[in-house]
Amino acid sequence: MRRRLFSVLAAAAVTCAAVGTAVTGGAASATARAAAPATAVQATLAAAETNEWKNVRIDGGGFVPGIIFNQKEKNLVYARTDIGGAYRWDQAAKSWIPLLDWVGWDKWGYNGVVSLATDPVDPDRVYVAAGMYTNDWDPNKGAILRSADRGKTWKVTELPFKLGGNMPGRGMGERLAVDPNDNKILYLGAPEGNGLWRSTDSGATWAKVASFPNPGNYAQDPADPNGYLNHRPGVVWVTFDPASSSAGAATKKIYVGVADKENTVYSSSDAGATWTRVAGQPTGYIAHKGVLDHTSGTLYIATSDTGGPYDGGKGDVWKLDTKTGAWTRISPVPSDSPDAYYGYSGLTIDRQKPGTIMVATQISWWPDVVFFRSTDGGATWTRIWDWGAYPERTKRYTMDISSAPWLTFGTNPQPPEETPKLGWMTESLEIDPFDSDRMMYGTGATIYGTEDLTKWDDGGKITIKPMVRGLEETAVLDLISPPSGPPLVSALGDIAGFRHTDLGKVPAMMFTAPNFTSTTSLDYAETSPNIMVRAGNFTDADRPNDSHVAFSTDGGANWFQGTEPGGINEGGTVAAAADGSRFVWAPKGVAVHHSVGFGNSWTASTGIPTGAVVESDRVNARRFYGFSGGRFYASTDGGATFAATAATGLPAEGDVKFKAVPGREGHIWLAGTSGLFRSTDGGASFTKLSGVTSAVNVGFGKAAEGRSHQAVYTVATIAGVTGVFRSDDTGATWVRVNDDRHQYGNMGEALTGDPRIYGRVYLGTNGRGIVYADTGGGTTPPPDDTTAPSRPGTPAASAITSTGATLTWAASTDEVGVEGYDVYREAGATDVKAGSASATSFTLTGLTADTSYTYYVVARDAAGNASDPSDPVTFKTTAGGGNGEGGCAATYRIANSWPGGFQGEVTVKNTGTAAITSWTVKWTFPDGQKITQLWSGEHTQTGADVTVRNAGWNGRLNAGASTSFGFGASWTGANGVPATVTCTAG
């Protein structure tokens, strides 16, 4: 998957202090510090909290160009990513441990890891070559990070040149290597004409190897005006021959790979004093990898015609007999074959079985990557898949993605393509040096692996699974945490985004129908949070009939696309009215537009410039806001017209984020490079918060106990400290809720608190995924709260079966915050508590068939104050079949939706203890929907009332068994879910 530059935080980086030209020995400063203006009054900054930060699990999401096994200690494995730092494998947990979360705003580029080396003599030592871009996108020089405790702590040496962990050619390597005989010696292959470098003091200091003759001349596009494709990867790998010296003495024989199509392999026989081009080497291609078999003394190289990782059309695999100097081409498919349309990379050898080698195609987008395996040093090869009768493929593998099911990407490709793909951008394919059965490989989205690799040689099928838990590599562009429904919904670069119903579990699928390559903006209707909207990017030429905006009416579970104005290529920002009745959209490069309803038509808004950032008021559905070029804009007619307010002093340059406060009409907070600002009059005026010298983002979460205003979260520089902060008193005092170990580089493009859990904050990073922490455990209790919440809305009963039902109700309000709800059943003189809920719904179970029940709800706050009871609801459970031994329940869902139409699915389950022979499902459409066709059942519809009976073949259901039927239907205006869906068994 292509990792993109999300340069959303570059402007905020100007607040960081200047960095010296070198750091030798001590750890780099992990906290950016900038002096506040002399006229500013410093905000009160409480002592920082110590909080546990956790991943919101997605498992993967980005390119893993390098996997590195230590050759001395079993199960010591590292992985490097292009924008998300480095990781160490935890064998006991089968999970990856992040190692560079300490990298802060001042050195955010260190999360681009271009190479990693694990010490083959002292396994506690590990080294990272860090730096994200060699052009001006990254303001800092590259660095060598060195650790003597497996990455728990680090020291930093800044280099005199930049490194490119997210530049072209980053999958080649490894360019950083430790001498296996004298581990004080390290070599680093440098890019951009800087040649080969060496350290003789365990990476503390470095000097250029002046005798190395070739810094590498290859660039993908030397004339690229954007300063990216003209990158020269330079010296790209270093390999030692440990047999050429004894322990304690510098290794004499060294091989080095260079990104030069005519001169790609060099060697030294005198520990790097002199270097020569290896005679007889192949030309015309770049050696991506160079691996030496220590037993036979054979050097293998895998070559391609480009530096990758996205392309490669020709290449070969060669081996060098280092004793005789003879080169032999051993390509599975030679470059001069009519079947050759890829180069090679992903080269690995089996250290337990000399002569067993594997390579991967570089790159075979269609129909899939191919892995080749040889057990005789490349004389013969077998493929992980072969062609059968076209378009069939015969495979030596099966894939199990149950731990990360989204890896299908929600696609349904035509054969011979399949989903999930075996891989792409597989620059790193590694056999465990201690276990011939274990292999790991990186792709553009994850790490896959197998633990039964040798089945391949016996004619069996290997099982490939994701081996990526703990490694989170996504660029997070927006986050929302609605007051009901899923706790978190995310907008991500490259993999669209997810609906997170459980933060500790991987979501089943990313956003689809439509699928955005990157989702740029998310919003929900504050008072109807089941209504959501998202905007995003994709390649228009690939999908000319799709829109860059999509809507959901069920809290993000299902989406349908709206229409769009002409000329849109990127999503920009989008906002939903507080009640979900209308939307305002500011696509990138296109005028701001508004729509009443779900984007059936759009009308250009007036009074607001193209390129503005838009948001909605969280109380008044007619109020929307915008910001552009230092001016704040407001609309009071649903986004039809905007006018610039009189507010002055707002940031005129750099990225600006602003949000309106839930529950408070006209209250707005704005974050920018010059600070944090607050308005209580709809943006007519703003007050700058003292002591906040720069801010990246701002968000809100549940108020602290006894407080009436929501907790405010910000990524900012406050009192000279850059971090994540929370204020419980509208910015009068702040507490830092992260620490120097959890800085996450250029964090903060996305940020929100949780409206249901005080102290919980969700933080988006640019490469480390979504992290969250539950803060506030040590805060001082506020004054006593004696005000009870408001009365909840009257419950509605739905999904009624013979044994249960679901109650939902309108939320209560409270000056501090509603803690939860208690559900009671009327039972004569003494009512019975059925249970409690933190949100506005509760599922009843264990009820008796064909019986009338009455329930009501009471809200309570954190201080224990209880509201007046809601009005009651009365309903009757359905009759169970078979004298109570048989019964059924029906579950309705919208499987797909589009303007004017949708596809529904109903699942029928036998909830009894005996078989049933027939079933009947009934519901009433709330918005006049009309069924146009139905399958797997027989239906009638009278007005809004629908009755569906089983087909002749699916009426009988054994106890616990399920079946389903589907239908197509039309809708106008709204597409609500029926309040009650009943099922009667026969």
Foldseek 3Di string as FASTA:
>chain_A
DAADDPLFQVVLLVQFDDDDQKFFDAAPDLWGFHDFPPPFDFFFADAFDDFDKDFLDAFWFFFWLDKDFAQADFQFIKTAAQQAAIWTADVVVLATHHQVLLHFQNQSQQSLFLAKEAQNVQRQKIKTFTGADQDPSGVFAIWIWIGNGSRNDTGITGDNGHAHSNAFLSSFEDQWYAFNQQRLKIKGQAWDQQGIKIGNGNRRDIDHLVQGDWQADDFQDCPPPVRGRVIGRGWGYKDAQNVCDHHPDQGQWMWTATNYQAQGIKIGRGNSNHIDGQPPDHGQWGFRDWDAQNPQRKIKTWTFNTSDQPDGFFTFIWIARVVVSDIDTLGQAHRPHPPGGFTKAQWEAANVQPLWIKIWTNFPVPQAIWMWITNHNRNHIDIQWDPDPPLDIDGQADEDAVQNQQLQVPDDDDPPHDPPGPAGSFNHWYQRNVANQWIWTTHRTAIKIWRGNCVVVVVHHTYIYTSRHHFDFWFWQAKDQAQDDARIWTWTAQSGTDRRNDSVGNDNHHAPQPGARTWREKEAQRQQRLKIKTFFADACVVPVPFHRMWIGNGNRPFIAGADDDPDAGTFAYKEAFNHRQKIWGQGAPDAIWIDGFHRNDIDGAPADDRPWHKYYANPQRQWIWTDAQQWIWIGRGNRNYIHTAPEHDGDRDRDKEKYHFHPQGLWMWIFASQAIWITRHNRNYIDGQGQFRGWQYKEFEAAAPPAQGTKIWTQTQGNRTGAIWIDRHVRSYIHGHHDSSRNQHSKDSYKYYGHLAPQKIWIGHNTRHIMITRDDPPDDHDDADDDWWEEKEEWFWAQFWQFKIKTFTRDTDDSRHWNWKWKWWDDPPDIHTQGIGSHGMDIGGGHHGFDKTKMWMWIGHPNGHIYDIYDIDIDHHHHAPDNQQWIKTKDKDFPHDYAFKTKIKIKIWTQGQAKFQWKKKKFFFPAQKAWPDKPQWDWDDDGRIIMTIGDNPPGIDGHGGMDMMMTMITGPRDGDDTSYMYMYTD
